[in-house]
N, C-alpha and C. Protein backbone atom coordinates (compact mmCIF):
# COMPACT_ATOMS: atom_id res chain seq x y z
N MET A 1 -26.53 21.06 -22.47
CA MET A 1 -26.87 19.96 -21.86
C MET A 1 -28.13 20.15 -20.85
N LYS A 2 -29.10 19.28 -21.00
CA LYS A 2 -30.24 19.41 -20.00
C LYS A 2 -29.93 18.91 -18.81
N ARG A 3 -30.35 19.83 -17.73
CA ARG A 3 -30.10 19.46 -16.32
C ARG A 3 -31.15 18.38 -15.84
N LEU A 4 -30.59 17.31 -15.27
CA LEU A 4 -31.48 16.16 -14.86
C LEU A 4 -32.32 16.61 -13.73
N PRO A 5 -33.55 16.27 -13.60
CA PRO A 5 -34.46 16.42 -12.52
C PRO A 5 -34.05 15.72 -11.21
N TYR A 6 -34.57 16.23 -10.12
CA TYR A 6 -34.35 15.59 -8.81
C TYR A 6 -34.76 14.15 -8.76
N GLY A 7 -36.02 13.97 -9.35
CA GLY A 7 -36.65 12.77 -9.61
C GLY A 7 -37.94 12.81 -10.40
N VAL A 8 -38.61 11.65 -10.37
CA VAL A 8 -39.90 11.67 -11.15
C VAL A 8 -40.92 11.18 -10.01
N ILE A 9 -42.07 11.91 -9.92
CA ILE A 9 -43.08 11.56 -9.01
C ILE A 9 -44.29 11.26 -9.64
N GLY A 10 -45.11 10.31 -8.92
CA GLY A 10 -46.43 9.97 -9.43
C GLY A 10 -47.26 10.12 -8.35
N GLN A 11 -48.54 10.49 -8.67
CA GLN A 11 -49.75 10.60 -7.69
C GLN A 11 -50.67 9.41 -7.81
N PHE A 12 -51.11 8.79 -6.71
CA PHE A 12 -51.94 7.67 -6.52
C PHE A 12 -53.09 8.01 -5.71
N GLY A 13 -54.18 7.44 -5.89
CA GLY A 13 -55.41 7.54 -5.18
C GLY A 13 -55.51 6.76 -3.98
N THR A 14 -54.81 5.55 -3.93
CA THR A 14 -55.12 4.60 -2.71
C THR A 14 -53.54 4.30 -2.17
N GLY A 15 -53.65 3.76 -0.95
CA GLY A 15 -52.37 3.23 -0.48
C GLY A 15 -52.00 2.08 -1.15
N GLU A 16 -52.91 1.14 -1.38
CA GLU A 16 -52.63 -0.18 -2.25
C GLU A 16 -52.00 0.14 -3.55
N ALA A 17 -52.34 1.14 -4.37
CA ALA A 17 -51.78 1.46 -5.50
C ALA A 17 -50.29 2.05 -5.24
N LEU A 18 -50.08 2.82 -4.27
CA LEU A 18 -48.82 3.31 -3.88
C LEU A 18 -47.87 2.07 -3.65
N LEU A 19 -48.32 1.15 -2.75
CA LEU A 19 -47.56 -0.04 -2.34
C LEU A 19 -47.17 -0.88 -3.53
N ASP A 20 -48.24 -0.93 -4.52
CA ASP A 20 -47.95 -1.82 -5.65
C ASP A 20 -46.98 -1.16 -6.61
N ALA A 21 -47.01 0.11 -6.64
CA ALA A 21 -45.90 1.03 -7.49
C ALA A 21 -44.76 0.94 -7.00
N ALA A 22 -44.60 0.97 -5.54
CA ALA A 22 -43.25 0.83 -4.79
C ALA A 22 -42.61 -0.53 -5.09
N ARG A 23 -43.34 -1.52 -5.00
CA ARG A 23 -42.79 -2.87 -5.21
C ARG A 23 -42.21 -2.96 -6.70
N GLN A 24 -43.08 -2.35 -7.75
CA GLN A 24 -42.66 -2.50 -9.07
C GLN A 24 -41.40 -1.72 -9.25
N ALA A 25 -41.30 -0.51 -8.70
CA ALA A 25 -40.18 0.28 -8.76
C ALA A 25 -38.96 -0.37 -8.17
N ARG A 26 -39.09 -1.05 -7.07
CA ARG A 26 -37.97 -1.79 -6.36
C ARG A 26 -37.49 -2.97 -7.38
N GLU A 27 -38.47 -3.65 -7.72
CA GLU A 27 -38.23 -4.78 -8.83
C GLU A 27 -37.58 -4.40 -10.06
N ALA A 28 -37.87 -3.09 -10.45
CA ALA A 28 -37.29 -2.55 -11.74
C ALA A 28 -35.75 -2.09 -11.44
N GLY A 29 -35.39 -2.13 -10.30
CA GLY A 29 -33.92 -1.78 -9.97
C GLY A 29 -33.81 -0.37 -9.46
N PHE A 30 -34.76 0.36 -9.06
CA PHE A 30 -34.68 1.83 -8.59
C PHE A 30 -34.39 1.53 -7.03
N ASP A 31 -33.21 2.21 -6.60
CA ASP A 31 -32.87 1.92 -5.11
C ASP A 31 -33.39 3.15 -4.41
N ALA A 32 -33.29 4.45 -4.96
CA ALA A 32 -33.72 5.53 -4.15
C ALA A 32 -35.21 5.98 -4.42
N ILE A 33 -36.01 5.41 -3.63
CA ILE A 33 -37.52 5.78 -3.84
C ILE A 33 -37.99 6.29 -2.55
N ASP A 34 -38.83 7.31 -2.56
CA ASP A 34 -39.52 7.84 -1.39
C ASP A 34 -41.02 7.85 -1.50
N ALA A 35 -41.69 7.55 -0.49
CA ALA A 35 -43.08 7.51 -0.52
C ALA A 35 -43.86 8.41 0.40
N TYR A 36 -44.78 9.12 0.01
CA TYR A 36 -45.36 10.10 0.87
C TYR A 36 -46.89 9.83 0.93
N SER A 37 -47.42 9.76 2.08
CA SER A 37 -48.81 9.22 2.32
C SER A 37 -49.32 9.91 3.47
N PRO A 38 -50.70 10.22 3.31
CA PRO A 38 -51.41 10.91 4.51
C PRO A 38 -51.76 10.05 5.57
N LEU A 39 -51.60 8.70 5.46
CA LEU A 39 -51.80 7.76 6.58
C LEU A 39 -50.98 6.57 6.36
N PRO A 40 -50.72 5.74 7.50
CA PRO A 40 -49.77 4.56 7.31
C PRO A 40 -50.28 3.62 6.30
N VAL A 41 -49.40 3.03 5.48
CA VAL A 41 -49.74 1.98 4.64
C VAL A 41 -48.91 0.83 4.99
N GLU A 42 -49.59 -0.15 5.31
CA GLU A 42 -49.08 -1.58 5.68
C GLU A 42 -48.07 -2.17 4.77
N GLY A 43 -46.88 -2.31 5.22
CA GLY A 43 -45.88 -2.98 4.24
C GLY A 43 -45.05 -1.93 3.44
N LEU A 44 -45.39 -0.65 3.42
CA LEU A 44 -44.65 0.25 2.68
C LEU A 44 -43.28 0.45 3.11
N ALA A 45 -42.97 0.56 4.40
CA ALA A 45 -41.70 0.82 5.00
C ALA A 45 -40.53 -0.33 4.61
N GLU A 46 -41.22 -1.42 4.43
CA GLU A 46 -40.31 -2.64 4.13
C GLU A 46 -39.91 -2.46 2.61
N VAL A 47 -40.84 -2.00 1.86
CA VAL A 47 -40.51 -1.99 0.38
C VAL A 47 -39.60 -0.69 0.21
N VAL A 48 -39.85 0.33 0.76
CA VAL A 48 -39.05 1.58 0.57
C VAL A 48 -37.70 1.47 1.23
N SER A 49 -37.59 0.52 2.39
CA SER A 49 -36.33 0.33 3.07
C SER A 49 -35.58 1.59 3.36
N MET A 50 -35.95 2.14 4.52
CA MET A 50 -35.33 3.43 4.91
C MET A 50 -33.87 3.39 5.07
N GLY A 51 -33.28 2.26 5.30
CA GLY A 51 -31.90 2.18 5.46
C GLY A 51 -31.54 2.01 6.94
N ARG A 52 -30.16 2.10 7.32
CA ARG A 52 -29.77 2.01 8.70
C ARG A 52 -30.17 3.07 9.48
N ASN A 53 -30.69 2.84 10.71
CA ASN A 53 -31.06 3.65 11.80
C ASN A 53 -29.93 3.99 12.70
N TRP A 54 -29.23 5.24 12.74
CA TRP A 54 -28.09 5.27 13.65
C TRP A 54 -28.47 6.00 15.00
N VAL A 55 -29.72 6.11 15.25
CA VAL A 55 -30.18 6.85 16.42
C VAL A 55 -29.83 6.11 17.65
N PRO A 56 -30.08 4.78 17.70
CA PRO A 56 -29.69 4.08 18.90
C PRO A 56 -28.21 3.97 19.13
N ALA A 57 -27.44 3.91 18.21
CA ALA A 57 -25.98 3.79 18.37
C ALA A 57 -25.53 5.19 18.86
N ALA A 58 -26.00 6.37 18.32
CA ALA A 58 -25.69 7.72 18.76
C ALA A 58 -26.10 7.85 20.18
N THR A 59 -27.29 7.28 20.61
CA THR A 59 -27.90 7.57 21.91
C THR A 59 -26.97 6.77 22.91
N LEU A 60 -26.55 5.67 22.62
CA LEU A 60 -25.64 4.85 23.35
C LEU A 60 -24.28 5.62 23.52
N ALA A 61 -23.73 6.08 22.56
CA ALA A 61 -22.43 6.79 22.59
C ALA A 61 -22.61 8.12 23.36
N GLY A 62 -23.60 8.80 23.19
CA GLY A 62 -23.88 10.07 23.76
C GLY A 62 -23.96 9.82 25.33
N GLY A 63 -24.66 8.79 25.72
CA GLY A 63 -24.83 8.37 27.15
C GLY A 63 -23.64 8.09 27.77
N ALA A 64 -22.84 7.21 27.03
CA ALA A 64 -21.58 6.67 27.64
C ALA A 64 -20.53 7.99 27.76
N ALA A 65 -20.55 8.69 26.82
CA ALA A 65 -19.80 10.08 26.75
C ALA A 65 -20.16 10.94 28.06
N GLY A 66 -21.47 11.17 28.06
CA GLY A 66 -21.85 12.07 29.13
C GLY A 66 -21.51 11.50 30.51
N GLY A 67 -21.86 10.16 30.74
CA GLY A 67 -21.47 9.57 32.00
C GLY A 67 -20.07 9.57 32.33
N CYS A 68 -19.20 9.23 31.37
CA CYS A 68 -17.73 9.21 31.59
C CYS A 68 -17.21 10.62 31.76
N ALA A 69 -17.72 11.66 31.13
CA ALA A 69 -17.28 13.02 31.40
C ALA A 69 -17.66 13.50 32.74
N ALA A 70 -18.92 13.21 33.20
CA ALA A 70 -19.43 13.51 34.61
C ALA A 70 -18.51 12.88 35.55
N TYR A 71 -18.23 11.52 35.49
CA TYR A 71 -17.60 10.90 36.52
C TYR A 71 -16.02 11.39 36.61
N PHE A 72 -15.52 11.61 35.44
CA PHE A 72 -14.21 12.20 35.43
C PHE A 72 -14.02 13.56 36.03
N MET A 73 -15.02 14.37 35.64
CA MET A 73 -14.98 15.70 36.25
C MET A 73 -15.11 15.76 37.80
N GLN A 74 -15.94 14.75 38.30
CA GLN A 74 -16.00 14.86 39.80
C GLN A 74 -14.88 14.20 40.41
N TRP A 75 -14.30 13.13 39.72
CA TRP A 75 -13.01 12.58 40.30
C TRP A 75 -11.89 13.43 40.35
N TYR A 76 -11.72 14.21 39.16
CA TYR A 76 -10.70 15.19 39.09
C TYR A 76 -10.78 16.31 40.17
N ALA A 77 -11.99 16.68 40.30
CA ALA A 77 -12.17 17.91 41.33
C ALA A 77 -11.91 17.30 42.73
N ALA A 78 -12.30 16.13 43.08
CA ALA A 78 -12.24 15.55 44.42
C ALA A 78 -10.96 15.10 44.68
N VAL A 79 -10.15 14.40 43.76
CA VAL A 79 -9.09 13.74 44.12
C VAL A 79 -7.72 14.62 43.67
N VAL A 80 -7.88 15.25 42.55
CA VAL A 80 -6.58 15.97 41.93
C VAL A 80 -6.50 17.45 42.27
N ALA A 81 -7.58 18.06 41.87
CA ALA A 81 -7.64 19.51 41.89
C ALA A 81 -7.78 20.01 43.42
N TYR A 82 -8.76 19.62 44.14
CA TYR A 82 -8.88 20.07 45.46
C TYR A 82 -9.34 18.82 46.37
N PRO A 83 -8.17 18.14 46.78
CA PRO A 83 -8.27 17.01 47.72
C PRO A 83 -8.48 17.55 49.17
N VAL A 84 -9.78 17.35 49.62
CA VAL A 84 -10.07 17.73 50.95
C VAL A 84 -10.51 16.50 51.86
N ASN A 85 -9.79 16.23 52.83
CA ASN A 85 -10.14 15.19 53.78
C ASN A 85 -11.07 15.67 54.80
N VAL A 86 -12.31 15.15 54.50
CA VAL A 86 -13.45 15.55 55.65
C VAL A 86 -13.90 14.27 56.29
N GLY A 87 -13.66 14.33 57.63
CA GLY A 87 -14.06 13.24 58.50
C GLY A 87 -13.39 11.97 58.19
N GLY A 88 -12.21 11.98 57.50
CA GLY A 88 -11.47 10.60 57.38
C GLY A 88 -12.18 9.92 56.17
N ARG A 89 -12.98 10.45 55.28
CA ARG A 89 -13.65 9.80 54.12
C ARG A 89 -12.51 9.73 53.01
N PRO A 90 -12.64 8.80 52.25
CA PRO A 90 -11.55 8.64 51.07
C PRO A 90 -11.91 9.63 50.13
N LEU A 91 -10.76 10.19 49.36
CA LEU A 91 -10.88 11.29 48.39
C LEU A 91 -11.81 10.68 47.21
N HIS A 92 -11.50 9.47 46.87
CA HIS A 92 -12.35 8.99 45.67
C HIS A 92 -13.52 8.25 46.23
N ASN A 93 -14.56 9.01 46.50
CA ASN A 93 -15.80 8.48 47.37
C ASN A 93 -16.84 8.32 46.17
N TRP A 94 -16.72 7.12 45.46
CA TRP A 94 -17.71 6.98 44.18
C TRP A 94 -19.12 6.79 44.44
N PRO A 95 -19.68 6.56 45.57
CA PRO A 95 -21.08 6.61 45.81
C PRO A 95 -21.53 8.00 45.70
N ALA A 96 -20.91 9.00 46.10
CA ALA A 96 -21.25 10.41 46.04
C ALA A 96 -21.27 10.80 44.61
N PHE A 97 -20.58 10.15 43.67
CA PHE A 97 -20.50 10.58 42.25
C PHE A 97 -21.78 10.07 41.41
N ILE A 98 -22.45 9.12 42.04
CA ILE A 98 -23.48 8.43 41.25
C ILE A 98 -24.57 9.33 40.71
N PRO A 99 -25.17 10.12 41.60
CA PRO A 99 -26.40 11.03 41.03
C PRO A 99 -26.10 11.94 39.85
N VAL A 100 -24.78 12.60 39.91
CA VAL A 100 -24.48 13.51 38.93
C VAL A 100 -24.05 12.73 37.63
N THR A 101 -23.49 11.67 37.81
CA THR A 101 -23.04 10.68 36.77
C THR A 101 -24.33 10.13 35.94
N PHE A 102 -25.26 9.80 36.65
CA PHE A 102 -26.57 9.33 36.20
C PHE A 102 -27.28 10.41 35.39
N GLU A 103 -27.37 11.61 36.00
CA GLU A 103 -28.10 12.61 35.26
C GLU A 103 -27.35 13.18 33.90
N MET A 104 -26.06 13.17 34.02
CA MET A 104 -25.23 13.49 32.80
C MET A 104 -25.28 12.44 31.73
N THR A 105 -25.37 11.14 32.19
CA THR A 105 -25.66 10.18 31.28
C THR A 105 -26.94 10.25 30.47
N ILE A 106 -28.05 10.64 31.16
CA ILE A 106 -29.30 10.75 30.53
C ILE A 106 -29.34 11.97 29.60
N LEU A 107 -28.60 13.13 30.06
CA LEU A 107 -28.56 14.31 29.26
C LEU A 107 -27.74 14.07 28.05
N GLY A 108 -26.74 13.37 28.29
CA GLY A 108 -25.95 13.19 26.92
C GLY A 108 -26.62 12.27 25.92
N ALA A 109 -27.23 11.25 26.41
CA ALA A 109 -27.93 10.21 25.59
C ALA A 109 -29.17 11.06 24.86
N ALA A 110 -29.86 11.90 25.52
CA ALA A 110 -30.99 12.63 24.99
C ALA A 110 -30.52 13.51 23.99
N LEU A 111 -29.47 14.42 24.18
CA LEU A 111 -28.91 15.18 23.31
C LEU A 111 -28.43 14.55 22.00
N ALA A 112 -27.74 13.36 22.22
CA ALA A 112 -27.19 12.68 21.03
C ALA A 112 -28.31 12.19 20.24
N ALA A 113 -29.52 11.77 20.93
CA ALA A 113 -30.46 11.17 20.24
C ALA A 113 -31.26 12.12 19.34
N VAL A 114 -31.43 13.42 19.88
CA VAL A 114 -32.10 14.41 19.14
C VAL A 114 -31.26 14.90 18.04
N LEU A 115 -29.92 15.05 18.31
CA LEU A 115 -29.01 15.43 17.21
C LEU A 115 -28.99 14.38 15.99
N ALA A 116 -28.95 13.09 16.41
CA ALA A 116 -28.86 11.93 15.37
C ALA A 116 -30.17 12.05 14.60
N MET A 117 -31.34 12.27 15.28
CA MET A 117 -32.57 12.17 14.42
C MET A 117 -32.68 13.34 13.49
N LEU A 118 -32.24 14.62 14.00
CA LEU A 118 -32.30 15.82 13.07
C LEU A 118 -31.24 15.43 11.81
N LEU A 119 -30.14 15.13 12.17
CA LEU A 119 -29.29 14.74 10.98
C LEU A 119 -29.66 13.60 10.17
N GLY A 120 -30.16 12.59 10.67
CA GLY A 120 -30.73 11.45 9.93
C GLY A 120 -31.86 11.82 9.00
N ASN A 121 -32.71 12.77 9.43
CA ASN A 121 -33.83 13.26 8.70
C ASN A 121 -33.44 14.37 7.70
N GLY A 122 -32.15 14.73 7.77
CA GLY A 122 -31.76 15.91 6.92
C GLY A 122 -32.39 17.25 7.28
N LEU A 123 -32.46 17.36 8.51
CA LEU A 123 -33.07 18.66 9.15
C LEU A 123 -31.94 19.59 9.68
N PRO A 124 -32.09 20.68 9.86
CA PRO A 124 -33.18 21.65 9.28
C PRO A 124 -33.16 21.79 7.77
N ALA A 125 -34.24 21.62 7.09
CA ALA A 125 -34.44 21.80 5.72
C ALA A 125 -35.69 22.71 5.59
N LEU A 126 -35.31 23.96 5.13
CA LEU A 126 -36.53 24.82 4.78
C LEU A 126 -37.20 24.60 3.58
N ARG A 127 -36.41 23.91 2.65
CA ARG A 127 -36.98 23.65 1.35
C ARG A 127 -36.58 22.27 0.87
N HIS A 128 -37.39 21.60 0.23
CA HIS A 128 -37.26 20.27 -0.43
C HIS A 128 -37.59 20.25 -1.87
N PRO A 129 -37.00 19.82 -2.74
CA PRO A 129 -37.51 19.78 -4.24
C PRO A 129 -38.83 19.19 -4.44
N VAL A 130 -39.24 18.25 -3.70
CA VAL A 130 -40.50 17.62 -3.87
C VAL A 130 -41.65 18.56 -3.46
N PHE A 131 -41.42 19.64 -2.72
CA PHE A 131 -42.53 20.59 -2.38
C PHE A 131 -42.96 21.31 -3.69
N ASP A 132 -42.03 21.41 -4.72
CA ASP A 132 -42.31 22.03 -5.96
C ASP A 132 -43.15 21.24 -6.95
N ALA A 133 -43.33 19.88 -6.52
CA ALA A 133 -44.08 19.08 -7.53
C ALA A 133 -45.65 19.46 -7.63
N PRO A 134 -46.16 19.59 -8.70
CA PRO A 134 -47.63 19.76 -8.81
C PRO A 134 -48.41 19.03 -8.04
N GLY A 135 -49.38 19.55 -7.15
CA GLY A 135 -50.21 18.71 -6.40
C GLY A 135 -49.86 18.15 -5.19
N PHE A 136 -48.46 18.50 -4.73
CA PHE A 136 -47.82 17.77 -3.71
C PHE A 136 -48.51 18.32 -2.45
N SER A 137 -49.09 19.39 -2.36
CA SER A 137 -49.83 19.69 -1.13
C SER A 137 -50.87 18.94 -0.62
N ARG A 138 -51.39 18.05 -1.51
CA ARG A 138 -52.32 17.06 -1.20
C ARG A 138 -51.93 15.82 -0.56
N ALA A 139 -50.50 15.79 -0.35
CA ALA A 139 -49.84 14.62 0.20
C ALA A 139 -50.28 14.45 1.65
N SER A 140 -50.70 15.40 2.38
CA SER A 140 -51.11 15.44 3.80
C SER A 140 -52.62 15.13 3.97
N ARG A 141 -53.35 15.08 2.85
CA ARG A 141 -54.76 15.08 2.92
C ARG A 141 -55.26 13.79 2.19
N ASP A 142 -55.26 13.63 0.78
CA ASP A 142 -55.86 12.50 0.35
C ASP A 142 -55.15 11.91 -0.87
N ARG A 143 -53.87 12.29 -1.17
CA ARG A 143 -53.14 11.71 -2.25
C ARG A 143 -51.91 10.97 -1.74
N PHE A 144 -51.56 9.97 -2.60
CA PHE A 144 -50.44 9.05 -2.32
C PHE A 144 -49.34 9.41 -3.27
N PHE A 145 -48.05 9.65 -2.97
CA PHE A 145 -46.95 10.05 -3.87
C PHE A 145 -45.88 9.10 -3.72
N LEU A 146 -45.36 8.70 -4.91
CA LEU A 146 -44.09 7.91 -5.07
C LEU A 146 -43.07 8.72 -5.78
N CYS A 147 -41.92 8.98 -5.28
CA CYS A 147 -40.89 9.73 -5.97
C CYS A 147 -39.64 8.70 -6.18
N ILE A 148 -39.35 8.69 -7.46
CA ILE A 148 -37.98 7.95 -7.75
C ILE A 148 -37.03 8.85 -8.07
N ARG A 149 -36.05 8.88 -7.25
CA ARG A 149 -35.00 10.05 -7.23
C ARG A 149 -33.65 9.40 -7.66
N GLY A 150 -32.66 10.27 -7.64
CA GLY A 150 -31.18 9.71 -7.98
C GLY A 150 -31.11 9.16 -9.32
N LEU A 151 -31.80 9.66 -10.40
CA LEU A 151 -31.71 9.26 -11.68
C LEU A 151 -30.46 9.79 -12.33
N GLN A 152 -29.66 8.98 -12.98
CA GLN A 152 -28.25 9.28 -13.48
C GLN A 152 -28.31 9.72 -14.80
N ASP A 153 -29.36 9.51 -15.73
CA ASP A 153 -29.38 10.02 -17.11
C ASP A 153 -30.76 10.15 -17.54
N GLU A 154 -30.93 10.48 -18.88
CA GLU A 154 -32.31 10.78 -19.44
C GLU A 154 -32.96 9.48 -19.58
N ALA A 155 -32.28 8.44 -19.96
CA ALA A 155 -32.89 7.02 -20.06
C ALA A 155 -33.61 6.58 -18.79
N ALA A 156 -32.85 6.67 -17.72
CA ALA A 156 -33.47 6.35 -16.35
C ALA A 156 -34.73 7.26 -16.14
N CYS A 157 -34.69 8.48 -16.42
CA CYS A 157 -35.90 9.48 -16.30
C CYS A 157 -37.07 8.77 -17.22
N VAL A 158 -36.78 8.40 -18.28
CA VAL A 158 -37.84 7.84 -19.27
C VAL A 158 -38.28 6.53 -18.62
N LYS A 159 -37.38 5.73 -18.08
CA LYS A 159 -37.83 4.45 -17.59
C LYS A 159 -38.72 4.68 -16.42
N ALA A 160 -38.24 5.58 -15.52
CA ALA A 160 -39.06 5.85 -14.31
C ALA A 160 -40.42 6.41 -14.58
N ARG A 161 -40.55 7.27 -15.64
CA ARG A 161 -41.84 7.85 -15.92
C ARG A 161 -42.70 6.71 -16.52
N THR A 162 -42.17 5.93 -17.40
CA THR A 162 -42.88 4.76 -17.90
C THR A 162 -43.51 3.90 -16.87
N LEU A 163 -42.64 3.66 -15.92
CA LEU A 163 -43.08 2.62 -14.91
C LEU A 163 -44.25 3.24 -14.02
N LEU A 164 -44.09 4.52 -13.67
CA LEU A 164 -45.20 5.05 -12.87
C LEU A 164 -46.37 5.20 -13.76
N GLU A 165 -46.31 5.49 -15.05
CA GLU A 165 -47.63 5.57 -15.95
C GLU A 165 -48.24 4.34 -15.97
N ARG A 166 -47.39 3.13 -16.09
CA ARG A 166 -47.75 1.75 -16.22
C ARG A 166 -48.52 1.37 -14.88
N CYS A 167 -48.15 1.86 -13.76
CA CYS A 167 -48.80 1.65 -12.48
C CYS A 167 -50.18 2.44 -12.25
N ASP A 168 -50.63 3.03 -13.30
CA ASP A 168 -51.79 3.71 -13.29
C ASP A 168 -51.79 5.09 -12.20
N ALA A 169 -50.84 5.71 -12.36
CA ALA A 169 -50.66 7.06 -11.54
C ALA A 169 -51.53 8.01 -12.13
N TYR A 170 -52.23 8.82 -11.29
CA TYR A 170 -53.14 9.96 -11.79
C TYR A 170 -52.40 10.87 -12.64
N ARG A 171 -51.10 11.10 -12.15
CA ARG A 171 -50.39 12.12 -12.77
C ARG A 171 -48.85 11.82 -12.57
N VAL A 172 -47.96 12.06 -13.59
CA VAL A 172 -46.55 11.67 -13.41
C VAL A 172 -45.88 13.05 -13.81
N ASP A 173 -45.04 13.43 -12.85
CA ASP A 173 -44.17 14.68 -13.24
C ASP A 173 -42.80 14.62 -12.88
N GLU A 174 -41.98 15.44 -13.55
CA GLU A 174 -40.63 15.63 -13.17
C GLU A 174 -40.43 16.58 -12.05
N VAL A 175 -39.55 16.28 -11.03
CA VAL A 175 -39.41 17.21 -9.89
C VAL A 175 -38.14 17.92 -10.26
N PRO A 176 -38.20 19.33 -10.31
CA PRO A 176 -36.94 20.05 -10.67
C PRO A 176 -36.13 20.12 -9.46
N GLN A 177 -34.81 20.35 -9.84
CA GLN A 177 -33.70 20.37 -8.72
C GLN A 177 -34.03 21.44 -7.77
């Protein structure tokens, strides 16, 4: 049995041709499409639809966890573990806990945001199958690429190849796994 490719990729010369091909691929029912461009193409992000972005939610959760952990740590140290009465001040002196709580909130949010961004982008990835596509090194200079991936059978590969050829791609290739 022949092993299915990662996807089918087409090279285009302009951003408008890439955008048109992405729209046609979406209309043809392909859900998993990736676009590679050396410069921003107006409207391409909406067509490709990146999916849900989890970075804001992870940032909020990381900030809340960092702030709660810092406040609890200070409260536990001042009230439970080492209660010291200094000058008649209360043991749970919350205004003194604010600076550390604030800083740990910011640190927790920043670390969670970076981690969510890395995981959301599939990083660290030292190799990606698209890097093996012929001519893909020009994606950062002067070529626009559309990759239709997640093809389930040989008929879907043929349908994707036909669609990209009909969109006047310079070159259409299969991307090996």
